[in-house]
Amino acid sequence: MSNCKEFVLDDIMAITAIPVNDFNPAFSGWQLQPVIAVAAFSPTLARAITIGRQPATAGGALIPIMRLTGKAKDDESDQTAGRLHKVTVNCQIDDRDPSVWTNLLTLERTPSHLLLTFRDKSRAFVQGSKDTYLCTVDRDGAKTSVQFRIECLMGIQMLV
């Protein structure tokens, strides 16, 4: 039997990237909990970029997501002190609008936290930092995909 505590979530409807400088969760009491109380969660979404069907705020940046392509994976490492998690979130996007590429460039260059919204309306949070955030955009001619990789101690934290 494997000791791996990995799980895969295949029903992401939206990924909201919140710039690290816009939200500092370090002083809230939930940073080392597997769940976050919604009442204690109040990020600033003014500069957030959403990959999904609608922006997180009125007038916010939006990158359209291709249906049924959003996936998240939380892989815990037993080899690292503190049980470091490597969270991978990826999806395919609709890049026909030229403004999408400006937003993709911003995602690649701006370290962010991720707010994930699933098909059943549940939400989760992944805390990023300037040192642990990586966003890559891949275009193979037929499709464009975005992948986020964040290493953090708590992995994917569910909002309850």
C-alpha atoms as a PDB file:
ATOM      1  CA  MET A   1       0.000   0.000   0.000  1.00  0.00           C
ATOM      2  CA  SER A   2       1.311   3.422  -0.972  1.00  0.00           C
ATOM      3  CA  ASN A   3       2.052   6.121   1.590  1.00  0.00           C
ATOM      4  CA  CYS A   4       1.183   8.869  -0.942  1.00  0.00           C
ATOM      5  CA  LYS A   5      -1.420  11.409   0.148  1.00  0.00           C
ATOM      6  CA  GLU A   6      -2.052  12.712  -3.342  1.00  0.00           C
ATOM      7  CA  PHE A   7      -5.468  13.670  -4.635  1.00  0.00           C
ATOM      8  CA  VAL A   8      -6.689  14.974  -7.934  1.00  0.00           C
ATOM      9  CA  LEU A   9      -9.582  17.378  -8.469  1.00  0.00           C
ATOM     10  CA  ASP A  10     -10.888  17.290 -12.035  1.00  0.00           C
ATOM     11  CA  ASP A  11     -13.785  19.718 -11.922  1.00  0.00           C
ATOM     12  CA  ILE A  12     -12.362  23.245 -11.675  1.00  0.00           C
ATOM     13  CA  MET A  13     -14.658  25.866 -13.179  1.00  0.00           C
ATOM     14  CA  ALA A  14     -12.544  28.937 -12.346  1.00  0.00           C
ATOM     15  CA  ILE A  15      -9.014  29.792 -11.238  1.00  0.00           C
ATOM     16  CA  THR A  16      -8.603  33.260  -9.743  1.00  0.00           C
ATOM     17  CA  ALA A  17      -5.008  34.484  -9.446  1.00  0.00           C
ATOM     18  CA  ILE A  18      -4.685  37.029  -6.623  1.00  0.00           C
ATOM     19  CA  PRO A  19      -1.357  38.926  -6.693  1.00  0.00           C
ATOM     20  CA  VAL A  20       0.724  38.114  -3.608  1.00  0.00           C
ATOM     21  CA  ASN A  21       1.155  41.832  -2.836  1.00  0.00           C
ATOM     22  CA  ASP A  22      -2.653  42.306  -2.723  1.00  0.00           C
ATOM     23  CA  PHE A  23      -3.352  39.689  -0.022  1.00  0.00           C
ATOM     24  CA  ASN A  24      -1.225  38.740   2.973  1.00  0.00           C
ATOM     25  CA  PRO A  25      -2.726  35.761   4.836  1.00  0.00           C
ATOM     26  CA  ALA A  26       0.277  35.464   7.204  1.00  0.00           C
ATOM     27  CA  PHE A  27      -1.505  37.057  10.153  1.00  0.00           C
ATOM     28  CA  SER A  28      -4.838  35.289   9.877  1.00  0.00           C
ATOM     29  CA  GLY A  29      -5.312  32.333  12.210  1.00  0.00           C
ATOM     30  CA  TRP A  30      -5.858  29.765   9.473  1.00  0.00           C
ATOM     31  CA  GLN A  31      -2.530  29.650   7.674  1.00  0.00           C
ATOM     32  CA  LEU A  32      -1.697  26.222   9.150  1.00  0.00           C
ATOM     33  CA  GLN A  33      -5.202  24.708   8.954  1.00  0.00           C
ATOM     34  CA  PRO A  34      -6.474  22.375   6.200  1.00  0.00           C
ATOM     35  CA  VAL A  35      -9.696  24.410   5.972  1.00  0.00           C
ATOM     36  CA  ILE A  36     -10.419  28.140   6.038  1.00  0.00           C
ATOM     37  CA  ALA A  37     -13.588  29.674   7.469  1.00  0.00           C
ATOM     38  CA  VAL A  38     -15.179  31.839   4.792  1.00  0.00           C
ATOM     39  CA  ALA A  39     -15.776  34.566   7.411  1.00  0.00           C
ATOM     40  CA  ALA A  40     -11.993  34.816   7.964  1.00  0.00           C
ATOM     41  CA  PHE A  41     -11.174  34.949   4.239  1.00  0.00           C
ATOM     42  CA  SER A  42     -11.275  38.388   2.602  1.00  0.00           C
ATOM     43  CA  PRO A  43      -8.704  38.813  -0.163  1.00  0.00           C
ATOM     44  CA  THR A  44      -8.490  41.947  -2.290  1.00  0.00           C
ATOM     45  CA  LEU A  45      -9.645  40.971  -5.777  1.00  0.00           C
ATOM     46  CA  ALA A  46      -9.233  44.329  -7.552  1.00  0.00           C
ATOM     47  CA  ARG A  47      -6.238  43.162  -9.643  1.00  0.00           C
ATOM     48  CA  ALA A  48      -7.154  39.473  -9.761  1.00  0.00           C
ATOM     49  CA  ILE A  49      -7.147  37.640 -13.078  1.00  0.00           C
ATOM     50  CA  THR A  50      -9.764  34.918 -13.459  1.00  0.00           C
ATOM     51  CA  ILE A  51      -9.525  31.967 -15.811  1.00  0.00           C
ATOM     52  CA  GLY A  52     -13.174  30.985 -16.026  1.00  0.00           C
ATOM     53  CA  ARG A  53     -16.589  32.170 -17.215  1.00  0.00           C
ATOM     54  CA  GLN A  54     -16.797  35.468 -15.319  1.00  0.00           C
ATOM     55  CA  PRO A  55     -14.303  37.788 -13.583  1.00  0.00           C
ATOM     56  CA  ALA A  56     -13.965  37.750  -9.787  1.00  0.00           C
ATOM     57  CA  THR A  57     -14.865  41.457  -9.610  1.00  0.00           C
ATOM     58  CA  ALA A  58     -16.768  43.865 -11.825  1.00  0.00           C
ATOM     59  CA  GLY A  59     -14.357  45.015 -14.502  1.00  0.00           C
ATOM     60  CA  GLY A  60     -11.787  42.367 -13.506  1.00  0.00           C
ATOM     61  CA  ALA A  61      -9.588  40.591 -16.034  1.00  0.00           C
ATOM     62  CA  LEU A  62     -10.972  37.409 -17.567  1.00  0.00           C
ATOM     63  CA  ILE A  63      -9.406  34.580 -19.557  1.00  0.00           C
ATOM     64  CA  PRO A  64     -12.046  32.155 -20.922  1.00  0.00           C
ATOM     65  CA  ILE A  65     -11.559  28.542 -19.788  1.00  0.00           C
ATOM     66  CA  MET A  66     -12.282  25.583 -22.053  1.00  0.00           C
ATOM     67  CA  ARG A  67     -14.976  23.372 -20.516  1.00  0.00           C
ATOM     68  CA  LEU A  68     -13.963  20.264 -18.584  1.00  0.00           C
ATOM     69  CA  THR A  69     -10.222  21.011 -18.702  1.00  0.00           C
ATOM     70  CA  GLY A  70      -9.571  22.429 -15.201  1.00  0.00           C
ATOM     71  CA  LYS A  71      -7.592  20.089 -12.957  1.00  0.00           C
ATOM     72  CA  ALA A  72      -5.780  20.435  -9.638  1.00  0.00           C
ATOM     73  CA  LYS A  73      -3.354  18.077  -7.955  1.00  0.00           C
ATOM     74  CA  ASP A  74      -1.984  18.313  -4.416  1.00  0.00           C
ATOM     75  CA  ASP A  75       1.040  16.097  -3.916  1.00  0.00           C
ATOM     76  CA  GLU A  76       2.562  15.904  -0.440  1.00  0.00           C
ATOM     77  CA  SER A  77       6.270  15.128  -0.093  1.00  0.00           C
ATOM     78  CA  ASP A  78       7.318  12.789   2.708  1.00  0.00           C
ATOM     79  CA  GLN A  79      10.944  13.633   1.917  1.00  0.00           C
ATOM     80  CA  THR A  80      10.773  17.265   3.064  1.00  0.00           C
ATOM     81  CA  ALA A  81      10.644  18.485   6.654  1.00  0.00           C
ATOM     82  CA  GLY A  82       7.295  20.139   7.293  1.00  0.00           C
ATOM     83  CA  ARG A  83       5.512  18.010   4.682  1.00  0.00           C
ATOM     84  CA  LEU A  84       5.885  20.360   1.740  1.00  0.00           C
ATOM     85  CA  HIS A  85       3.024  20.193  -0.788  1.00  0.00           C
ATOM     86  CA  LYS A  86       3.460  20.680  -4.512  1.00  0.00           C
ATOM     87  CA  VAL A  87       0.173  21.945  -5.929  1.00  0.00           C
ATOM     88  CA  THR A  88      -0.314  21.805  -9.699  1.00  0.00           C
ATOM     89  CA  VAL A  89      -3.320  23.491 -11.325  1.00  0.00           C
ATOM     90  CA  ASN A  90      -3.831  23.427 -15.072  1.00  0.00           C
ATOM     91  CA  CYS A  91      -6.449  24.090 -17.737  1.00  0.00           C
ATOM     92  CA  GLN A  92      -6.879  24.902 -21.404  1.00  0.00           C
ATOM     93  CA  ILE A  93      -7.973  28.378 -22.422  1.00  0.00           C
ATOM     94  CA  ASP A  94      -9.660  30.138 -25.316  1.00  0.00           C
ATOM     95  CA  ASP A  95      -7.017  32.543 -26.653  1.00  0.00           C
ATOM     96  CA  ARG A  96      -8.878  34.072 -29.616  1.00  0.00           C
ATOM     97  CA  ASP A  97      -9.149  37.501 -27.939  1.00  0.00           C
ATOM     98  CA  PRO A  98      -5.815  39.404 -28.161  1.00  0.00           C
ATOM     99  CA  SER A  99      -6.222  40.786 -24.615  1.00  0.00           C
ATOM    100  CA  VAL A 100      -5.892  37.226 -23.291  1.00  0.00           C
ATOM    101  CA  TRP A 101      -2.175  37.259 -24.097  1.00  0.00           C
ATOM    102  CA  THR A 102      -1.622  40.420 -22.036  1.00  0.00           C
ATOM    103  CA  ASN A 103      -3.297  38.741 -19.066  1.00  0.00           C
ATOM    104  CA  LEU A 104      -1.290  35.527 -19.593  1.00  0.00           C
ATOM    105  CA  LEU A 105       1.929  37.529 -19.565  1.00  0.00           C
ATOM    106  CA  THR A 106       0.814  39.148 -16.297  1.00  0.00           C
ATOM    107  CA  LEU A 107       0.130  35.684 -14.792  1.00  0.00           C
ATOM    108  CA  GLU A 108       3.605  34.488 -15.784  1.00  0.00           C
ATOM    109  CA  ARG A 109       5.317  37.531 -14.248  1.00  0.00           C
ATOM    110  CA  THR A 110       3.220  38.244 -11.134  1.00  0.00           C
ATOM    111  CA  PRO A 111       3.453  35.785  -8.213  1.00  0.00           C
ATOM    112  CA  SER A 112      -0.062  34.984  -7.038  1.00  0.00           C
ATOM    113  CA  HIS A 113      -2.235  33.017  -4.655  1.00  0.00           C
ATOM    114  CA  LEU A 114      -4.879  30.843  -6.317  1.00  0.00           C
ATOM    115  CA  LEU A 115      -8.568  30.757  -5.472  1.00  0.00           C
ATOM    116  CA  LEU A 116     -10.127  27.666  -7.070  1.00  0.00           C
ATOM    117  CA  THR A 117     -13.853  27.317  -7.752  1.00  0.00           C
ATOM    118  CA  PHE A 118     -15.207  23.821  -8.417  1.00  0.00           C
ATOM    119  CA  ARG A 119     -18.279  22.659 -10.322  1.00  0.00           C
ATOM    120  CA  ASP A 120     -20.204  21.977  -7.077  1.00  0.00           C
ATOM    121  CA  LYS A 121     -19.635  25.665  -6.044  1.00  0.00           C
ATOM    122  CA  SER A 122     -17.086  24.727  -3.365  1.00  0.00           C
ATOM    123  CA  ARG A 123     -13.923  26.824  -3.248  1.00  0.00           C
ATOM    124  CA  ALA A 124     -10.324  26.288  -2.190  1.00  0.00           C
ATOM    125  CA  PHE A 125      -7.231  28.436  -1.659  1.00  0.00           C
ATOM    126  CA  VAL A 126      -3.563  27.835  -2.478  1.00  0.00           C
ATOM    127  CA  GLN A 127      -1.089  30.217  -0.868  1.00  0.00           C
ATOM    128  CA  GLY A 128       1.708  31.320  -3.193  1.00  0.00           C
ATOM    129  CA  SER A 129       4.799  33.440  -2.709  1.00  0.00           C
ATOM    130  CA  LYS A 130       7.417  35.124  -4.855  1.00  0.00           C
ATOM    131  CA  ASP A 131       9.739  32.139  -4.358  1.00  0.00           C
ATOM    132  CA  THR A 132       7.272  29.260  -4.802  1.00  0.00           C
ATOM    133  CA  TYR A 133       4.948  30.423  -7.625  1.00  0.00           C
ATOM    134  CA  LEU A 134       5.457  29.366 -11.233  1.00  0.00           C
ATOM    135  CA  CYS A 135       3.050  29.896 -14.133  1.00  0.00           C
ATOM    136  CA  THR A 136       3.775  28.511 -17.590  1.00  0.00           C
ATOM    137  CA  VAL A 137       1.775  28.944 -20.796  1.00  0.00           C
ATOM    138  CA  ASP A 138       2.066  26.309 -23.518  1.00  0.00           C
ATOM    139  CA  ARG A 139       0.735  26.672 -27.048  1.00  0.00           C
ATOM    140  CA  ASP A 140       1.001  23.760 -29.448  1.00  0.00           C
ATOM    141  CA  GLY A 141      -0.906  25.268 -32.367  1.00  0.00           C
ATOM    142  CA  ALA A 142      -4.275  23.630 -31.684  1.00  0.00           C
ATOM    143  CA  LYS A 143      -4.658  24.488 -28.018  1.00  0.00           C
ATOM    144  CA  THR A 144      -3.279  26.777 -25.355  1.00  0.00           C
ATOM    145  CA  SER A 145      -2.857  25.585 -21.793  1.00  0.00           C
ATOM    146  CA  VAL A 146      -1.859  27.255 -18.539  1.00  0.00           C
ATOM    147  CA  GLN A 147      -0.159  25.477 -15.655  1.00  0.00           C
ATOM    148  CA  PHE A 148       0.455  26.835 -12.161  1.00  0.00           C
ATOM    149  CA  ARG A 149       2.880  25.179  -9.741  1.00  0.00           C
ATOM    150  CA  ILE A 150       3.043  26.305  -6.132  1.00  0.00           C
ATOM    151  CA  GLU A 151       4.986  24.726  -3.291  1.00  0.00           C
ATOM    152  CA  CYS A 152       3.583  25.446   0.164  1.00  0.00           C
ATOM    153  CA  LEU A 153       3.109  23.828   3.565  1.00  0.00           C
ATOM    154  CA  MET A 154      -0.688  23.542   3.503  1.00  0.00           C
ATOM    155  CA  GLY A 155      -1.385  22.614  -0.104  1.00  0.00           C
ATOM    156  CA  ILE A 156      -5.002  23.086  -1.187  1.00  0.00           C
ATOM    157  CA  GLN A 157      -7.099  24.507   1.671  1.00  0.00           C
ATOM    158  CA  MET A 158     -10.881  24.182   1.354  1.00  0.00           C
ATOM    159  CA  LEU A 159     -13.095  27.177   2.188  1.00  0.00           C
ATOM    160  CA  VAL A 160     -15.950  26.191   4.495  1.00  0.00           C
END
